[in-house]
């Protein structure tokens, strides 16, 4: 859109773009300063506690004196791209193609010293 263009009127430009003129002139009347303030608080708390989901974040904000509902917190967190970090389901499922090694001491009776030895090769 070029409102200062004298060759093509604003109505014609809107018509060419398939857009209503009212959409061009629309200015939001919402005051987002409180949402911006809440987003800053949520971001600071999420940096400290990334495990906080929507419900815990809502409870924390209420404890801070900001009476907000769950839907508002969910919308603001989604807008910022924040999600709780927690173990997701099925994280310890073995890969089906990996070989399963047998337990070699199964059924063995250990009744004297130095009969069985063990070592740990993991890095410190």
PDB file of N, CA and C in Angstrom:
ATOM      1  N   UNK A   1       0.840  -1.168   0.000  1.00  0.00           N
ATOM      2  CA  UNK A   1       0.000   0.000   0.000  1.00  0.00           C
ATOM      3  C   UNK A   1       0.892   1.242   0.000  1.00  0.00           C
ATOM      4  N   UNK A   2       0.532   2.151  -0.869  1.00  0.00           N
ATOM      5  CA  UNK A   2       1.232   3.426  -0.964  1.00  0.00           C
ATOM      6  C   UNK A   2       0.210   4.550  -0.845  1.00  0.00           C
ATOM      7  N   UNK A   3      -0.073   5.029   0.367  1.00  0.00           N
ATOM      8  CA  UNK A   3      -1.102   6.068   0.522  1.00  0.00           C
ATOM      9  C   UNK A   3      -0.742   7.392  -0.144  1.00  0.00           C
ATOM     10  N   UNK A   4       0.539   7.672  -0.303  1.00  0.00           N
ATOM     11  CA  UNK A   4       0.947   8.952  -0.910  1.00  0.00           C
ATOM     12  C   UNK A   4       1.003   8.903  -2.435  1.00  0.00           C
ATOM     13  N   UNK A   5       0.696   7.771  -3.046  1.00  0.00           N
ATOM     14  CA  UNK A   5       0.730   7.631  -4.498  1.00  0.00           C
ATOM     15  C   UNK A   5      -0.431   8.422  -5.115  1.00  0.00           C
ATOM     16  N   UNK A   6      -0.104   9.340  -6.035  1.00  0.00           N
ATOM     17  CA  UNK A   6      -1.136  10.167  -6.670  1.00  0.00           C
ATOM     18  C   UNK A   6      -1.688   9.536  -7.949  1.00  0.00           C
ATOM     19  N   UNK A   7      -1.008   8.519  -8.453  1.00  0.00           N
ATOM     20  CA  UNK A   7      -1.439   7.890  -9.704  1.00  0.00           C
ATOM     21  C   UNK A   7      -2.602   6.909  -9.484  1.00  0.00           C
ATOM     22  N   UNK A   8      -2.550   6.189  -8.382  1.00  0.00           N
ATOM     23  CA  UNK A   8      -3.593   5.199  -8.093  1.00  0.00           C
ATOM     24  C   UNK A   8      -4.207   5.563  -6.751  1.00  0.00           C
ATOM     25  N   UNK A   9      -5.511   5.665  -6.729  1.00  0.00           N
ATOM     26  CA  UNK A   9      -6.184   6.041  -5.484  1.00  0.00           C
ATOM     27  C   UNK A   9      -6.076   4.915  -4.462  1.00  0.00           C
ATOM     28  N   UNK A  10      -6.291   5.273  -3.231  1.00  0.00           N
ATOM     29  CA  UNK A  10      -6.206   4.299  -2.143  1.00  0.00           C
ATOM     30  C   UNK A  10      -7.307   3.243  -2.278  1.00  0.00           C
ATOM     31  N   UNK A  11      -8.482   3.672  -2.727  1.00  0.00           N
ATOM     32  CA  UNK A  11      -9.581   2.731  -2.933  1.00  0.00           C
ATOM     33  C   UNK A  11      -9.213   1.715  -4.004  1.00  0.00           C
ATOM     34  N   UNK A  12      -8.578   2.177  -5.097  1.00  0.00           N
ATOM     35  CA  UNK A  12      -8.182   1.270  -6.177  1.00  0.00           C
ATOM     36  C   UNK A  12      -7.087   0.318  -5.712  1.00  0.00           C
ATOM     37  N   UNK A  13      -6.123   0.832  -4.909  1.00  0.00           N
ATOM     38  CA  UNK A  13      -5.067  -0.036  -4.376  1.00  0.00           C
ATOM     39  C   UNK A  13      -5.661  -1.142  -3.507  1.00  0.00           C
ATOM     40  N   UNK A  14      -6.607  -0.779  -2.651  1.00  0.00           N
ATOM     41  CA  UNK A  14      -7.261  -1.781  -1.807  1.00  0.00           C
ATOM     42  C   UNK A  14      -8.027  -2.784  -2.657  1.00  0.00           C
ATOM     43  N   UNK A  15      -8.682  -2.287  -3.709  1.00  0.00           N
ATOM     44  CA  UNK A  15      -9.429  -3.171  -4.601  1.00  0.00           C
ATOM     45  C   UNK A  15      -8.500  -4.156  -5.312  1.00  0.00           C
ATOM     46  N   UNK A  16      -7.334  -3.671  -5.756  1.00  0.00           N
ATOM     47  CA  UNK A  16      -6.371  -4.541  -6.433  1.00  0.00           C
ATOM     48  C   UNK A  16      -5.821  -5.621  -5.484  1.00  0.00           C
ATOM     49  N   UNK A  17      -5.687  -5.277  -4.229  1.00  0.00           N
ATOM     50  CA  UNK A  17      -5.187  -6.248  -3.239  1.00  0.00           C
ATOM     51  C   UNK A  17      -6.282  -7.135  -2.669  1.00  0.00           C
ATOM     52  N   UNK A  18      -7.531  -6.837  -3.021  1.00  0.00           N
ATOM     53  CA  UNK A  18      -8.642  -7.623  -2.499  1.00  0.00           C
ATOM     54  C   UNK A  18      -8.853  -7.370  -1.010  1.00  0.00           C
ATOM     55  N   UNK A  19      -8.687  -6.123  -0.606  1.00  0.00           N
ATOM     56  CA  UNK A  19      -8.727  -5.770   0.809  1.00  0.00           C
ATOM     57  C   UNK A  19      -9.726  -4.631   1.010  1.00  0.00           C
ATOM     58  N   UNK A  20     -10.448  -4.641   2.099  1.00  0.00           N
ATOM     59  CA  UNK A  20     -11.371  -3.557   2.415  1.00  0.00           C
ATOM     60  C   UNK A  20     -10.587  -2.326   2.865  1.00  0.00           C
ATOM     61  N   UNK A  21     -11.109  -1.137   2.522  1.00  0.00           N
ATOM     62  CA  UNK A  21     -10.445   0.079   2.971  1.00  0.00           C
ATOM     63  C   UNK A  21     -10.474   0.202   4.486  1.00  0.00           C
ATOM     64  N   UNK A  22     -11.517  -0.316   5.101  1.00  0.00           N
ATOM     65  CA  UNK A  22     -11.606  -0.237   6.567  1.00  0.00           C
ATOM     66  C   UNK A  22     -10.477  -1.036   7.222  1.00  0.00           C
ATOM     67  N   UNK A  23     -10.032  -2.105   6.571  1.00  0.00           N
ATOM     68  CA  UNK A  23      -8.905  -2.874   7.107  1.00  0.00           C
ATOM     69  C   UNK A  23      -7.617  -2.056   7.056  1.00  0.00           C
ATOM     70  N   UNK A  24      -7.486  -1.210   6.035  1.00  0.00           N
ATOM     71  CA  UNK A  24      -6.294  -0.370   5.942  1.00  0.00           C
ATOM     72  C   UNK A  24      -6.280   0.692   7.042  1.00  0.00           C
ATOM     73  N   UNK A  25      -7.445   1.261   7.329  1.00  0.00           N
ATOM     74  CA  UNK A  25      -7.534   2.341   8.312  1.00  0.00           C
ATOM     75  C   UNK A  25      -7.661   1.848   9.751  1.00  0.00           C
ATOM     76  N   UNK A  26      -7.852   0.546   9.945  1.00  0.00           N
ATOM     77  CA  UNK A  26      -8.098   0.022  11.288  1.00  0.00           C
ATOM     78  C   UNK A  26      -6.897   0.227  12.203  1.00  0.00           C
ATOM     79  N   UNK A  27      -7.138   0.727  13.402  1.00  0.00           N
ATOM     80  CA  UNK A  27      -6.129   0.858  14.445  1.00  0.00           C
ATOM     81  C   UNK A  27      -6.687   0.213  15.708  1.00  0.00           C
ATOM     82  N   UNK A  28      -5.955  -0.700  16.265  1.00  0.00           N
ATOM     83  CA  UNK A  28      -6.406  -1.408  17.463  1.00  0.00           C
ATOM     84  C   UNK A  28      -6.512  -0.447  18.639  1.00  0.00           C
ATOM     85  N   UNK A  29      -7.566  -0.586  19.419  1.00  0.00           N
ATOM     86  CA  UNK A  29      -7.760   0.253  20.599  1.00  0.00           C
ATOM     87  C   UNK A  29      -7.293  -0.437  21.864  1.00  0.00           C
ATOM     88  N   UNK A  30      -6.815  -1.665  21.739  1.00  0.00           N
ATOM     89  CA  UNK A  30      -6.386  -2.418  22.917  1.00  0.00           C
ATOM     90  C   UNK A  30      -5.113  -1.827  23.491  1.00  0.00           C
ATOM     91  N   UNK A  31      -5.065  -1.836  24.802  1.00  0.00           N
ATOM     92  CA  UNK A  31      -3.861  -1.399  25.496  1.00  0.00           C
ATOM     93  C   UNK A  31      -3.136  -2.663  25.943  1.00  0.00           C
ATOM     94  N   UNK A  32      -2.029  -2.981  25.305  1.00  0.00           N
ATOM     95  CA  UNK A  32      -1.302  -4.212  25.583  1.00  0.00           C
ATOM     96  C   UNK A  32      -0.204  -4.038  26.627  1.00  0.00           C
ATOM     97  N   UNK A  33      -0.191  -2.926  27.331  1.00  0.00           N
ATOM     98  CA  UNK A  33       0.892  -2.709  28.297  1.00  0.00           C
ATOM     99  C   UNK A  33       0.832  -3.730  29.427  1.00  0.00           C
ATOM    100  N   UNK A  34      -0.388  -4.089  29.877  1.00  0.00           N
ATOM    101  CA  UNK A  34      -0.495  -5.075  30.953  1.00  0.00           C
ATOM    102  C   UNK A  34      -0.073  -6.454  30.459  1.00  0.00           C
ATOM    103  N   UNK A  35      -0.451  -6.806  29.219  1.00  0.00           N
ATOM    104  CA  UNK A  35      -0.003  -8.083  28.657  1.00  0.00           C
ATOM    105  C   UNK A  35       1.512  -8.114  28.505  1.00  0.00           C
ATOM    106  N   UNK A  36       2.097  -7.000  28.086  1.00  0.00           N
ATOM    107  CA  UNK A  36       3.557  -6.929  27.976  1.00  0.00           C
ATOM    108  C   UNK A  36       4.212  -7.104  29.342  1.00  0.00           C
ATOM    109  N   UNK A  37       3.624  -6.486  30.363  1.00  0.00           N
ATOM    110  CA  UNK A  37       4.146  -6.621  31.720  1.00  0.00           C
ATOM    111  C   UNK A  37       4.055  -8.076  32.188  1.00  0.00           C
ATOM    112  N   UNK A  38       2.899  -8.714  31.944  1.00  0.00           N
ATOM    113  CA  UNK A  38       2.728 -10.123  32.328  1.00  0.00           C
ATOM    114  C   UNK A  38       3.700 -11.014  31.565  1.00  0.00           C
ATOM    115  N   UNK A  39       3.924 -10.731  30.289  1.00  0.00           N
ATOM    116  CA  UNK A  39       4.854 -11.539  29.503  1.00  0.00           C
ATOM    117  C   UNK A  39       6.278 -11.409  30.040  1.00  0.00           C
ATOM    118  N   UNK A  40       6.642 -10.225  30.496  1.00  0.00           N
ATOM    119  CA  UNK A  40       7.973 -10.053  31.086  1.00  0.00           C
ATOM    120  C   UNK A  40       8.095 -10.856  32.375  1.00  0.00           C
ATOM    121  N   UNK A  41       7.037 -10.827  33.216  1.00  0.00           N
ATOM    122  CA  UNK A  41       7.054 -11.618  34.451  1.00  0.00           C
ATOM    123  C   UNK A  41       7.131 -13.112  34.148  1.00  0.00           C
ATOM    124  N   UNK A  42       6.332 -13.563  33.169  1.00  0.00           N
ATOM    125  CA  UNK A  42       6.326 -14.981  32.803  1.00  0.00           C
ATOM    126  C   UNK A  42       7.691 -15.391  32.273  1.00  0.00           C
ATOM    127  N   UNK A  43       8.302 -14.545  31.457  1.00  0.00           N
ATOM    128  CA  UNK A  43       9.613 -14.864  30.895  1.00  0.00           C
ATOM    129  C   UNK A  43      10.670 -14.965  31.994  1.00  0.00           C
ATOM    130  N   UNK A  44      10.656 -14.042  32.962  1.00  0.00           N
ATOM    131  CA  UNK A  44      11.627 -14.093  34.050  1.00  0.00           C
ATOM    132  C   UNK A  44      11.447 -15.357  34.898  1.00  0.00           C
ATOM    133  N   UNK A  45      10.186 -15.682  35.204  1.00  0.00           N
ATOM    134  CA  UNK A  45       9.935 -16.877  36.016  1.00  0.00           C
ATOM    135  C   UNK A  45      10.256 -18.147  35.239  1.00  0.00           C
ATOM    136  N   UNK A  46       9.966 -18.164  33.933  1.00  0.00           N
ATOM    137  CA  UNK A  46      10.269 -19.340  33.111  1.00  0.00           C
ATOM    138  C   UNK A  46      11.776 -19.554  33.017  1.00  0.00           C
ATOM    139  N   UNK A  47      12.539 -18.445  33.002  1.00  0.00           N
ATOM    140  CA  UNK A  47      13.998 -18.568  32.978  1.00  0.00           C
ATOM    141  C   UNK A  47      14.491 -19.217  34.272  1.00  0.00           C
ATOM    142  N   UNK A  48      13.864 -18.863  35.390  1.00  0.00           N
ATOM    143  CA  UNK A  48      14.236 -19.477  36.674  1.00  0.00           C
ATOM    144  C   UNK A  48      13.719 -20.907  36.797  1.00  0.00           C
ATOM    145  N   UNK A  49      12.501 -21.137  36.354  1.00  0.00           N
ATOM    146  CA  UNK A  49      11.849 -22.438  36.501  1.00  0.00           C
ATOM    147  C   UNK A  49      11.231 -22.892  35.185  1.00  0.00           C
ATOM    148  N   UNK A  50      12.009 -23.519  34.299  1.00  0.00           N
ATOM    149  CA  UNK A  50      11.456 -23.926  33.004  1.00  0.00           C
ATOM    150  C   UNK A  50      10.476 -25.096  33.093  1.00  0.00           C
ATOM    151  N   UNK A  51      10.329 -25.675  34.281  1.00  0.00           N
ATOM    152  CA  UNK A  51       9.372 -26.772  34.432  1.00  0.00           C
ATOM    153  C   UNK A  51       7.956 -26.269  34.706  1.00  0.00           C
ATOM    154  N   UNK A  52       7.792 -24.968  34.891  1.00  0.00           N
ATOM    155  CA  UNK A  52       6.461 -24.422  35.160  1.00  0.00           C
ATOM    156  C   UNK A  52       5.622 -24.468  33.891  1.00  0.00           C
ATOM    157  N   UNK A  53       4.486 -25.112  34.002  1.00  0.00           N
ATOM    158  CA  UNK A  53       3.513 -25.118  32.915  1.00  0.00           C
ATOM    159  C   UNK A  53       2.524 -23.988  33.113  1.00  0.00           C
ATOM    160  N   UNK A  54       1.405 -24.082  32.446  1.00  0.00           N
ATOM    161  CA  UNK A  54       0.403 -23.021  32.493  1.00  0.00           C
ATOM    162  C   UNK A  54      -0.192 -22.896  33.898  1.00  0.00           C
ATOM    163  N   UNK A  55      -0.560 -24.024  34.509  1.00  0.00           N
ATOM    164  CA  UNK A  55      -1.216 -23.977  35.810  1.00  0.00           C
ATOM    165  C   UNK A  55      -0.292 -23.432  36.889  1.00  0.00           C
ATOM    166  N   UNK A  56       0.944 -23.910  36.925  1.00  0.00           N
ATOM    167  CA  UNK A  56       1.887 -23.417  37.933  1.00  0.00           C
ATOM    168  C   UNK A  56       2.225 -21.953  37.699  1.00  0.00           C
ATOM    169  N   UNK A  57       2.332 -21.559  36.442  1.00  0.00           N
ATOM    170  CA  UNK A  57       2.618 -20.161  36.144  1.00  0.00           C
ATOM    171  C   UNK A  57       1.449 -19.285  36.565  1.00  0.00           C
ATOM    172  N   UNK A  58       0.231 -19.754  36.348  1.00  0.00           N
ATOM    173  CA  UNK A  58      -0.953 -19.009  36.781  1.00  0.00           C
ATOM    174  C   UNK A  58      -0.960 -18.857  38.292  1.00  0.00           C
ATOM    175  N   UNK A  59      -0.671 -19.958  39.006  1.00  0.00           N
ATOM    176  CA  UNK A  59      -0.640 -19.897  40.463  1.00  0.00           C
ATOM    177  C   UNK A  59       0.450 -18.957  40.954  1.00  0.00           C
ATOM    178  N   UNK A  60       1.612 -18.974  40.297  1.00  0.00           N
ATOM    179  CA  UNK A  60       2.698 -18.092  40.706  1.00  0.00           C
ATOM    180  C   UNK A  60       2.311 -16.629  40.495  1.00  0.00           C
ATOM    181  N   UNK A  61       1.687 -16.330  39.341  1.00  0.00           N
ATOM    182  CA  UNK A  61       1.255 -14.956  39.080  1.00  0.00           C
ATOM    183  C   UNK A  61       0.209 -14.506  40.092  1.00  0.00           C
ATOM    184  N   UNK A  62      -0.689 -15.411  40.475  1.00  0.00           N
ATOM    185  CA  UNK A  62      -1.695 -15.051  41.478  1.00  0.00           C
ATOM    186  C   UNK A  62      -1.045 -14.783  42.826  1.00  0.00           C
ATOM    187  N   UNK A  63      -0.011 -15.551  43.160  1.00  0.00           N
ATOM    188  CA  UNK A  63       0.712 -15.296  44.409  1.00  0.00           C
ATOM    189  C   UNK A  63       1.442 -13.958  44.366  1.00  0.00           C
ATOM    190  N   UNK A  64       1.798 -13.506  43.178  1.00  0.00           N
ATOM    191  CA  UNK A  64       2.457 -12.203  43.018  1.00  0.00           C
ATOM    192  C   UNK A  64       1.456 -11.050  43.011  1.00  0.00           C
ATOM    193  N   UNK A  65       0.153 -11.376  43.041  1.00  0.00           N
ATOM    194  CA  UNK A  65      -0.875 -10.338  43.102  1.00  0.00           C
ATOM    195  C   UNK A  65      -1.519 -10.012  41.776  1.00  0.00           C
ATOM    196  N   UNK A  66      -1.282 -10.802  40.755  1.00  0.00           N
ATOM    197  CA  UNK A  66      -1.881 -10.576  39.433  1.00  0.00           C
ATOM    198  C   UNK A  66      -2.926 -11.653  39.195  1.00  0.00           C
ATOM    199  N   UNK A  67      -4.191 -11.305  39.351  1.00  0.00           N
ATOM    200  CA  UNK A  67      -5.264 -12.285  39.243  1.00  0.00           C
ATOM    201  C   UNK A  67      -5.586 -12.508  37.768  1.00  0.00           C
ATOM    202  N   UNK A  68      -4.931 -13.503  37.172  1.00  0.00           N
ATOM    203  CA  UNK A  68      -5.138 -13.824  35.761  1.00  0.00           C
ATOM    204  C   UNK A  68      -5.675 -15.245  35.662  1.00  0.00           C
ATOM    205  N   UNK A  69      -6.383 -15.512  34.594  1.00  0.00           N
ATOM    206  CA  UNK A  69      -6.917 -16.862  34.429  1.00  0.00           C
ATOM    207  C   UNK A  69      -5.986 -17.712  33.566  1.00  0.00           C
ATOM    208  N   UNK A  70      -6.293 -18.994  33.527  1.00  0.00           N
ATOM    209  CA  UNK A  70      -5.450 -19.974  32.826  1.00  0.00           C
ATOM    210  C   UNK A  70      -5.390 -19.706  31.330  1.00  0.00           C
ATOM    211  N   UNK A  71      -6.525 -19.279  30.749  1.00  0.00           N
ATOM    212  CA  UNK A  71      -6.549 -19.044  29.300  1.00  0.00           C
ATOM    213  C   UNK A  71      -5.613 -17.911  28.890  1.00  0.00           C
ATOM    214  N   UNK A  72      -5.533 -16.877  29.701  1.00  0.00           N
ATOM    215  CA  UNK A  72      -4.657 -15.758  29.380  1.00  0.00           C
ATOM    216  C   UNK A  72      -3.189 -16.179  29.467  1.00  0.00           C
ATOM    217  N   UNK A  73      -2.851 -16.932  30.522  1.00  0.00           N
ATOM    218  CA  UNK A  73      -1.476 -17.401  30.689  1.00  0.00           C
ATOM    219  C   UNK A  73      -1.108 -18.336  29.548  1.00  0.00           C
ATOM    220  N   UNK A  74      -2.017 -19.227  29.168  1.00  0.00           N
ATOM    221  CA  UNK A  74      -1.769 -20.153  28.067  1.00  0.00           C
ATOM    222  C   UNK A  74      -1.526 -19.394  26.759  1.00  0.00           C
ATOM    223  N   UNK A  75      -2.345 -18.367  26.495  1.00  0.00           N
ATOM    224  CA  UNK A  75      -2.202 -17.583  25.277  1.00  0.00           C
ATOM    225  C   UNK A  75      -0.872 -16.835  25.261  1.00  0.00           C
ATOM    226  N   UNK A  76      -0.498 -16.234  26.375  1.00  0.00           N
ATOM    227  CA  UNK A  76       0.753 -15.486  26.420  1.00  0.00           C
ATOM    228  C   UNK A  76       1.961 -16.406  26.308  1.00  0.00           C
ATOM    229  N   UNK A  77       1.908 -17.571  26.969  1.00  0.00           N
ATOM    230  CA  UNK A  77       3.031 -18.512  26.869  1.00  0.00           C
ATOM    231  C   UNK A  77       3.148 -19.058  25.452  1.00  0.00           C
ATOM    232  N   UNK A  78       2.021 -19.326  24.812  1.00  0.00           N
ATOM    233  CA  UNK A  78       2.054 -19.816  23.431  1.00  0.00           C
ATOM    234  C   UNK A  78       2.596 -18.739  22.501  1.00  0.00           C
ATOM    235  N   UNK A  79       2.213 -17.479  22.753  1.00  0.00           N
ATOM    236  CA  UNK A  79       2.697 -16.364  21.954  1.00  0.00           C
ATOM    237  C   UNK A  79       4.216 -16.225  22.065  1.00  0.00           C
ATOM    238  N   UNK A  80       4.761 -16.498  23.255  1.00  0.00           N
ATOM    239  CA  UNK A  80       6.211 -16.409  23.461  1.00  0.00           C
ATOM    240  C   UNK A  80       6.930 -17.697  23.103  1.00  0.00           C
ATOM    241  N   UNK A  81       6.183 -18.769  22.833  1.00  0.00           N
ATOM    242  CA  UNK A  81       6.805 -20.048  22.479  1.00  0.00           C
ATOM    243  C   UNK A  81       7.383 -20.773  23.680  1.00  0.00           C
ATOM    244  N   UNK A  82       6.788 -20.590  24.865  1.00  0.00           N
ATOM    245  CA  UNK A  82       7.278 -21.235  26.082  1.00  0.00           C
ATOM    246  C   UNK A  82       6.426 -22.455  26.398  1.00  0.00           C
ATOM    247  N   UNK A  83       7.093 -23.568  26.654  1.00  0.00           N
ATOM    248  CA  UNK A  83       6.418 -24.802  27.035  1.00  0.00           C
ATOM    249  C   UNK A  83       7.176 -25.411  28.199  1.00  0.00           C
ATOM    250  N   UNK A  84       6.468 -26.078  29.089  1.00  0.00           N
ATOM    251  CA  UNK A  84       7.108 -26.693  30.247  1.00  0.00           C
ATOM    252  C   UNK A  84       8.053 -27.801  29.795  1.00  0.00           C
ATOM    253  N   UNK A  85       9.206 -27.856  30.452  1.00  0.00           N
ATOM    254  CA  UNK A  85      10.179 -28.901  30.151  1.00  0.00           C
ATOM    255  C   UNK A  85       9.997 -30.013  31.167  1.00  0.00           C
ATOM    256  N   UNK A  86       9.623 -31.179  30.712  1.00  0.00           N
ATOM    257  CA  UNK A  86       9.431 -32.327  31.587  1.00  0.00           C
ATOM    258  C   UNK A  86       9.635 -33.592  30.764  1.00  0.00           C
ATOM    259  N   UNK A  87       9.897 -34.718  31.423  1.00  0.00           N
ATOM    260  CA  UNK A  87      10.082 -35.958  30.657  1.00  0.00           C
ATOM    261  C   UNK A  87       8.800 -36.336  29.926  1.00  0.00           C
ATOM    262  N   UNK A  88       8.912 -36.518  28.662  1.00  0.00           N
ATOM    263  CA  UNK A  88       7.759 -36.905  27.857  1.00  0.00           C
ATOM    264  C   UNK A  88       7.532 -38.411  27.978  1.00  0.00           C
ATOM    265  N   UNK A  89       6.357 -38.889  27.679  1.00  0.00           N
ATOM    266  CA  UNK A  89       6.088 -40.321  27.762  1.00  0.00           C
ATOM    267  C   UNK A  89       6.941 -41.124  26.785  1.00  0.00           C
ATOM    268  N   UNK A  90       7.166 -42.366  27.122  1.00  0.00           N
ATOM    269  CA  UNK A  90       7.872 -43.341  26.279  1.00  0.00           C
ATOM    270  C   UNK A  90       9.341 -42.980  26.058  1.00  0.00           C
ATOM    271  N   UNK A  91       9.972 -42.345  27.040  1.00  0.00           N
ATOM    272  CA  UNK A  91      11.366 -41.952  26.858  1.00  0.00           C
ATOM    273  C   UNK A  91      12.329 -43.095  27.101  1.00  0.00           C
ATOM    274  N   UNK A  92      11.929 -44.128  27.819  1.00  0.00           N
ATOM    275  CA  UNK A  92      12.872 -45.207  28.119  1.00  0.00           C
ATOM    276  C   UNK A  92      12.557 -46.483  27.342  1.00  0.00           C
ATOM    277  N   UNK A  93      11.874 -46.367  26.244  1.00  0.00           N
ATOM    278  CA  UNK A  93      11.590 -47.546  25.417  1.00  0.00           C
ATOM    279  C   UNK A  93      12.839 -47.927  24.630  1.00  0.00           C
ATOM    280  N   UNK A  94      13.241 -49.202  24.669  1.00  0.00           N
ATOM    281  CA  UNK A  94      14.419 -49.599  23.894  1.00  0.00           C
ATOM    282  C   UNK A  94      14.112 -49.627  22.396  1.00  0.00           C
ATOM    283  N   UNK A  95      15.119 -49.382  21.614  1.00  0.00           N
ATOM    284  CA  UNK A  95      14.978 -49.461  20.164  1.00  0.00           C
ATOM    285  C   UNK A  95      14.868 -50.932  19.780  1.00  0.00           C
ATOM    286  N   UNK A  96      13.865 -51.322  19.012  1.00  0.00           N
ATOM    287  CA  UNK A  96      13.620 -52.743  18.761  1.00  0.00           C
ATOM    288  C   UNK A  96      14.775 -53.475  18.067  1.00  0.00           C
ATOM    289  N   UNK A  97      15.607 -52.782  17.298  1.00  0.00           N
ATOM    290  CA  UNK A  97      16.678 -53.454  16.566  1.00  0.00           C
ATOM    291  C   UNK A  97      17.964 -53.592  17.372  1.00  0.00           C
ATOM    292  N   UNK A  98      18.013 -52.970  18.564  1.00  0.00           N
ATOM    293  CA  UNK A  98      19.213 -53.105  19.386  1.00  0.00           C
ATOM    294  C   UNK A  98      19.269 -54.482  20.036  1.00  0.00           C
ATOM    295  N   UNK A  99      20.479 -55.025  20.132  1.00  0.00           N
ATOM    296  CA  UNK A  99      20.660 -56.346  20.705  1.00  0.00           C
ATOM    297  C   UNK A  99      20.518 -56.282  22.221  1.00  0.00           C
ATOM    298  N   UNK A 100      19.826 -57.261  22.804  1.00  0.00           N
ATOM    299  CA  UNK A 100      19.676 -57.359  24.247  1.00  0.00           C
ATOM    300  C   UNK A 100      20.634 -58.442  24.727  1.00  0.00           C
ATOM    301  N   UNK A 101      21.602 -58.049  25.550  1.00  0.00           N
ATOM    302  CA  UNK A 101      22.592 -58.996  26.026  1.00  0.00           C
ATOM    303  C   UNK A 101      22.056 -59.752  27.237  1.00  0.00           C
ATOM    304  N   UNK A 102      22.348 -61.051  27.344  1.00  0.00           N
ATOM    305  CA  UNK A 102      21.834 -61.828  28.477  1.00  0.00           C
ATOM    306  C   UNK A 102      22.575 -61.484  29.774  1.00  0.00           C
ATOM    307  N   UNK A 103      21.895 -61.666  30.900  1.00  0.00           N
ATOM    308  CA  UNK A 103      22.504 -61.466  32.207  1.00  0.00           C
ATOM    309  C   UNK A 103      23.232 -62.755  32.567  1.00  0.00           C
ATOM    310  N   UNK A 104      24.552 -62.700  32.589  1.00  0.00           N
ATOM    311  CA  UNK A 104      25.360 -63.917  32.719  1.00  0.00           C
ATOM    312  C   UNK A 104      25.380 -64.503  34.128  1.00  0.00           C
ATOM    313  N   UNK A 105      24.998 -63.728  35.131  1.00  0.00           N
ATOM    314  CA  UNK A 105      25.018 -64.242  36.510  1.00  0.00           C
ATOM    315  C   UNK A 105      23.672 -64.796  36.948  1.00  0.00           C
ATOM    316  N   UNK A 106      22.713 -64.853  36.052  1.00  0.00           N
ATOM    317  CA  UNK A 106      21.385 -65.359  36.404  1.00  0.00           C
ATOM    318  C   UNK A 106      21.458 -66.835  36.788  1.00  0.00           C
ATOM    319  N   UNK A 107      20.905 -67.140  37.927  1.00  0.00           N
ATOM    320  CA  UNK A 107      20.872 -68.519  38.399  1.00  0.00           C
ATOM    321  C   UNK A 107      22.192 -68.997  39.003  1.00  0.00           C
ATOM    322  N   UNK A 108      23.211 -68.169  39.055  1.00  0.00           N
ATOM    323  CA  UNK A 108      24.511 -68.555  39.592  1.00  0.00           C
ATOM    324  C   UNK A 108      24.552 -68.259  41.088  1.00  0.00           C
ATOM    325  N   UNK A 109      25.028 -69.194  41.864  1.00  0.00           N
ATOM    326  CA  UNK A 109      25.157 -69.002  43.307  1.00  0.00           C
ATOM    327  C   UNK A 109      26.552 -68.460  43.596  1.00  0.00           C
ATOM    328  N   UNK A 110      26.612 -67.314  44.215  1.00  0.00           N
ATOM    329  CA  UNK A 110      27.890 -66.682  44.552  1.00  0.00           C
ATOM    330  C   UNK A 110      28.121 -66.927  46.037  1.00  0.00           C
ATOM    331  N   UNK A 111      29.099 -67.825  46.343  1.00  0.00           N
ATOM    332  CA  UNK A 111      29.287 -68.235  47.735  1.00  0.00           C
ATOM    333  C   UNK A 111      30.717 -68.085  48.239  1.00  0.00           C
ATOM    334  N   UNK A 112      31.607 -67.489  47.496  1.00  0.00           N
ATOM    335  CA  UNK A 112      32.980 -67.300  47.966  1.00  0.00           C
ATOM    336  C   UNK A 112      33.536 -65.974  47.439  1.00  0.00           C
ATOM    337  N   UNK A 113      34.546 -65.407  48.116  1.00  0.00           N
ATOM    338  CA  UNK A 113      35.140 -64.152  47.655  1.00  0.00           C
ATOM    339  C   UNK A 113      35.846 -64.319  46.315  1.00  0.00           C
ATOM    340  N   UNK A 114      35.903 -63.270  45.556  1.00  0.00           N
ATOM    341  CA  UNK A 114      36.556 -63.203  44.247  1.00  0.00           C
ATOM    342  C   UNK A 114      35.980 -64.170  43.219  1.00  0.00           C
ATOM    343  N   UNK A 115      34.757 -64.601  43.431  1.00  0.00           N
ATOM    344  CA  UNK A 115      34.119 -65.477  42.449  1.00  0.00           C
ATOM    345  C   UNK A 115      33.570 -64.649  41.274  1.00  0.00           C
ATOM    346  N   UNK A 116      33.085 -63.439  41.563  1.00  0.00           N
ATOM    347  CA  UNK A 116      32.502 -62.569  40.541  1.00  0.00           C
ATOM    348  C   UNK A 116      33.136 -61.194  40.683  1.00  0.00           C
ATOM    349  N   UNK A 117      33.527 -60.628  39.552  1.00  0.00           N
ATOM    350  CA  UNK A 117      34.094 -59.296  39.539  1.00  0.00           C
ATOM    351  C   UNK A 117      33.228 -58.385  38.671  1.00  0.00           C
ATOM    352  N   UNK A 118      33.296 -57.105  38.950  1.00  0.00           N
ATOM    353  CA  UNK A 118      32.530 -56.123  38.154  1.00  0.00           C
ATOM    354  C   UNK A 118      33.404 -54.900  37.891  1.00  0.00           C
ATOM    355  N   UNK A 119      33.142 -54.223  36.812  1.00  0.00           N
ATOM    356  CA  UNK A 119      33.861 -52.989  36.505  1.00  0.00           C
ATOM    357  C   UNK A 119      32.895 -52.007  35.886  1.00  0.00           C
ATOM    358  N   UNK A 120      33.277 -50.733  35.954  1.00  0.00           N
ATOM    359  CA  UNK A 120      32.470 -49.662  35.396  1.00  0.00           C
ATOM    360  C   UNK A 120      33.334 -48.910  34.381  1.00  0.00           C
ATOM    361  N   UNK A 121      32.875 -48.882  33.126  1.00  0.00           N
ATOM    362  CA  UNK A 121      33.673 -48.242  32.087  1.00  0.00           C
ATOM    363  C   UNK A 121      33.106 -46.876  31.693  1.00  0.00           C
ATOM    364  N   UNK A 122      32.119 -46.401  32.448  1.00  0.00           N
ATOM    365  CA  UNK A 122      31.536 -45.103  32.104  1.00  0.00           C
ATOM    366  C   UNK A 122      32.506 -43.989  32.465  1.00  0.00           C
ATOM    367  N   UNK A 123      32.396 -42.900  31.749  1.00  0.00           N
ATOM    368  CA  UNK A 123      33.294 -41.755  31.978  1.00  0.00           C
ATOM    369  C   UNK A 123      32.862 -41.012  33.246  1.00  0.00           C
ATOM    370  N   UNK A 124      33.794 -40.437  33.956  1.00  0.00           N
ATOM    371  CA  UNK A 124      33.436 -39.712  35.190  1.00  0.00           C
ATOM    372  C   UNK A 124      32.680 -38.446  34.929  1.00  0.00           C
TER     373      UNK A 124
END
